[in-house]
Amino acid sequence: MAFFILIKYTLIIKVLDKWIVKVNFNIRGMCGVRNAL
């Protein structure tokens, strides 16, 4: 049972990590666009 919980949390963390990276990239991109203007 604990093994399945561990797998679930690992997957959630991986998805969150990708989402956070994408959000950070978008924020940096917006700042870059604003600086270019």
PDB file of N, CA and C in Angstrom:
ATOM      1  N   MET A   1       0.835  -1.203   0.000  1.00  0.00           N
ATOM      2  CA  MET A   1       0.000   0.000   0.000  1.00  0.00           C
ATOM      3  C   MET A   1       0.877   1.263   0.000  1.00  0.00           C
ATOM      4  N   ALA A   2       1.844   1.297   0.891  1.00  0.00           N
ATOM      5  CA  ALA A   2       2.745   2.458   0.974  1.00  0.00           C
ATOM      6  C   ALA A   2       3.506   2.649  -0.342  1.00  0.00           C
ATOM      7  N   PHE A   3       3.797   1.527  -1.017  1.00  0.00           N
ATOM      8  CA  PHE A   3       4.532   1.576  -2.286  1.00  0.00           C
ATOM      9  C   PHE A   3       3.734   2.345  -3.342  1.00  0.00           C
ATOM     10  N   PHE A   4       2.414   2.078  -3.399  1.00  0.00           N
ATOM     11  CA  PHE A   4       1.555   2.765  -4.364  1.00  0.00           C
ATOM     12  C   PHE A   4       1.457   4.252  -4.046  1.00  0.00           C
ATOM     13  N   ILE A   5       1.384   4.580  -2.757  1.00  0.00           N
ATOM     14  CA  ILE A   5       1.333   5.987  -2.333  1.00  0.00           C
ATOM     15  C   ILE A   5       2.618   6.689  -2.761  1.00  0.00           C
ATOM     16  N   LEU A   6       3.745   5.997  -2.595  1.00  0.00           N
ATOM     17  CA  LEU A   6       5.048   6.559  -2.971  1.00  0.00           C
ATOM     18  C   LEU A   6       5.088   6.848  -4.471  1.00  0.00           C
ATOM     19  N   ILE A   7       4.608   5.903  -5.281  1.00  0.00           N
ATOM     20  CA  ILE A   7       4.578   6.084  -6.738  1.00  0.00           C
ATOM     21  C   ILE A   7       3.690   7.274  -7.097  1.00  0.00           C
ATOM     22  N   LYS A   8       2.520   7.353  -6.432  1.00  0.00           N
ATOM     23  CA  LYS A   8       1.580   8.440  -6.704  1.00  0.00           C
ATOM     24  C   LYS A   8       2.214   9.790  -6.393  1.00  0.00           C
ATOM     25  N   TYR A   9       2.863   9.892  -5.241  1.00  0.00           N
ATOM     26  CA  TYR A   9       3.507  11.151  -4.866  1.00  0.00           C
ATOM     27  C   TYR A   9       4.647  11.504  -5.813  1.00  0.00           C
ATOM     28  N   THR A  10       5.400  10.493  -6.251  1.00  0.00           N
ATOM     29  CA  THR A  10       6.503  10.732  -7.191  1.00  0.00           C
ATOM     30  C   THR A  10       5.962  11.308  -8.499  1.00  0.00           C
ATOM     31  N   LEU A  11       4.858  10.740  -8.992  1.00  0.00           N
ATOM     32  CA  LEU A  11       4.251  11.231 -10.234  1.00  0.00           C
ATOM     33  C   LEU A  11       3.732  12.650 -10.064  1.00  0.00           C
ATOM     34  N   ILE A  12       3.076  12.919  -8.924  1.00  0.00           N
ATOM     35  CA  ILE A  12       2.546  14.263  -8.655  1.00  0.00           C
ATOM     36  C   ILE A  12       3.682  15.273  -8.624  1.00  0.00           C
ATOM     37  N   ILE A  13       4.786  14.923  -7.954  1.00  0.00           N
ATOM     38  CA  ILE A  13       5.943  15.820  -7.856  1.00  0.00           C
ATOM     39  C   ILE A  13       6.530  16.083  -9.240  1.00  0.00           C
ATOM     40  N   LYS A  14       6.626  15.039 -10.070  1.00  0.00           N
ATOM     41  CA  LYS A  14       7.170  15.209 -11.429  1.00  0.00           C
ATOM     42  C   LYS A  14       6.296  16.150 -12.247  1.00  0.00           C
ATOM     43  N   VAL A  15       4.974  15.969 -12.161  1.00  0.00           N
ATOM     44  CA  VAL A  15       4.036  16.819 -12.905  1.00  0.00           C
ATOM     45  C   VAL A  15       4.132  18.254 -12.411  1.00  0.00           C
ATOM     46  N   LEU A  16       4.156  18.441 -11.081  1.00  0.00           N
ATOM     47  CA  LEU A  16       4.277  19.783 -10.504  1.00  0.00           C
ATOM     48  C   LEU A  16       5.581  20.436 -10.940  1.00  0.00           C
ATOM     49  N   ASP A  17       6.655  19.657 -10.941  1.00  0.00           N
ATOM     50  CA  ASP A  17       7.970  20.177 -11.320  1.00  0.00           C
ATOM     51  C   ASP A  17       7.938  20.704 -12.756  1.00  0.00           C
ATOM     52  N   LYS A  18       7.345  19.918 -13.668  1.00  0.00           N
ATOM     53  CA  LYS A  18       7.243  20.343 -15.069  1.00  0.00           C
ATOM     54  C   LYS A  18       6.389  21.596 -15.180  1.00  0.00           C
ATOM     55  N   TRP A  19       5.272  21.637 -14.427  1.00  0.00           N
ATOM     56  CA  TRP A  19       4.362  22.776 -14.469  1.00  0.00           C
ATOM     57  C   TRP A  19       5.050  24.035 -13.956  1.00  0.00           C
ATOM     58  N   ILE A  20       5.788  23.917 -12.847  1.00  0.00           N
ATOM     59  CA  ILE A  20       6.514  25.054 -12.262  1.00  0.00           C
ATOM     60  C   ILE A  20       7.558  25.571 -13.249  1.00  0.00           C
ATOM     61  N   VAL A  21       8.286  24.660 -13.904  1.00  0.00           N
ATOM     62  CA  VAL A  21       9.300  25.059 -14.885  1.00  0.00           C
ATOM     63  C   VAL A  21       8.639  25.826 -16.031  1.00  0.00           C
ATOM     64  N   LYS A  22       7.482  25.323 -16.491  1.00  0.00           N
ATOM     65  CA  LYS A  22       6.767  25.969 -17.596  1.00  0.00           C
ATOM     66  C   LYS A  22       6.294  27.366 -17.182  1.00  0.00           C
ATOM     67  N   VAL A  23       5.756  27.493 -15.973  1.00  0.00           N
ATOM     68  CA  VAL A  23       5.279  28.789 -15.474  1.00  0.00           C
ATOM     69  C   VAL A  23       6.446  29.764 -15.351  1.00  0.00           C
ATOM     70  N   ASN A  24       7.568  29.298 -14.786  1.00  0.00           N
ATOM     71  CA  ASN A  24       8.755  30.153 -14.648  1.00  0.00           C
ATOM     72  C   ASN A  24       9.244  30.607 -16.020  1.00  0.00           C
ATOM     73  N   PHE A  25       9.234  29.694 -16.992  1.00  0.00           N
ATOM     74  CA  PHE A  25       9.668  30.014 -18.355  1.00  0.00           C
ATOM     75  C   PHE A  25       8.755  31.076 -18.965  1.00  0.00           C
ATOM     76  N   ASN A  26       7.434  30.920 -18.750  1.00  0.00           N
ATOM     77  CA  ASN A  26       6.470  31.887 -19.280  1.00  0.00           C
ATOM     78  C   ASN A  26       6.664  33.260 -18.646  1.00  0.00           C
ATOM     79  N   ILE A  27       6.891  33.295 -17.328  1.00  0.00           N
ATOM     80  CA  ILE A  27       7.102  34.567 -16.625  1.00  0.00           C
ATOM     81  C   ILE A  27       8.369  35.239 -17.153  1.00  0.00           C
ATOM     82  N   ARG A  28       9.433  34.459 -17.312  1.00  0.00           N
ATOM     83  CA  ARG A  28      10.698  34.988 -17.816  1.00  0.00           C
ATOM     84  C   ARG A  28      10.498  35.501 -19.247  1.00  0.00           C
ATOM     85  N   GLY A  29       9.723  34.761 -20.050  1.00  0.00           N
ATOM     86  CA  GLY A  29       9.436  35.162 -21.425  1.00  0.00           C
ATOM     87  C   GLY A  29       8.685  36.485 -21.467  1.00  0.00           C
ATOM     88  N   MET A  30       7.687  36.650 -20.583  1.00  0.00           N
ATOM     89  CA  MET A  30       6.921  37.896 -20.513  1.00  0.00           C
ATOM     90  C   MET A  30       7.829  39.055 -20.133  1.00  0.00           C
ATOM     91  N   CYS A  31       8.697  38.843 -19.151  1.00  0.00           N
ATOM     92  CA  CYS A  31       9.630  39.891 -18.719  1.00  0.00           C
ATOM     93  C   CYS A  31      10.554  40.264 -19.877  1.00  0.00           C
ATOM     94  N   GLY A  32      11.012  39.255 -20.624  1.00  0.00           N
ATOM     95  CA  GLY A  32      11.888  39.498 -21.766  1.00  0.00           C
ATOM     96  C   GLY A  32      11.181  40.319 -22.829  1.00  0.00           C
ATOM     97  N   VAL A  33       9.909  40.007 -23.079  1.00  0.00           N
ATOM     98  CA  VAL A  33       9.126  40.746 -24.080  1.00  0.00           C
ATOM     99  C   VAL A  33       8.947  42.190 -23.621  1.00  0.00           C
ATOM    100  N   ARG A  34       8.642  42.378 -22.346  1.00  0.00           N
ATOM    101  CA  ARG A  34       8.423  43.723 -21.806  1.00  0.00           C
ATOM    102  C   ARG A  34       9.715  44.543 -21.869  1.00  0.00           C
ATOM    103  N   ASN A  35      10.843  43.896 -21.574  1.00  0.00           N
ATOM    104  CA  ASN A  35      12.137  44.585 -21.641  1.00  0.00           C
ATOM    105  C   ASN A  35      12.482  44.949 -23.084  1.00  0.00           C
ATOM    106  N   ALA A  36      12.124  44.070 -24.035  1.00  0.00           N
ATOM    107  CA  ALA A  36      12.404  44.325 -25.444  1.00  0.00           C
ATOM    108  C   ALA A  36      11.609  45.541 -25.934  1.00  0.00           C
ATOM    109  N   LEU A  37      10.401  45.710 -25.412  1.00  0.00           N
ATOM    110  CA  LEU A  37       9.565  46.854 -25.790  1.00  0.00           C
ATOM    111  C   LEU A  37      10.059  48.085 -25.041  1.00  0.00           C
TER     112      LEU A  37
END
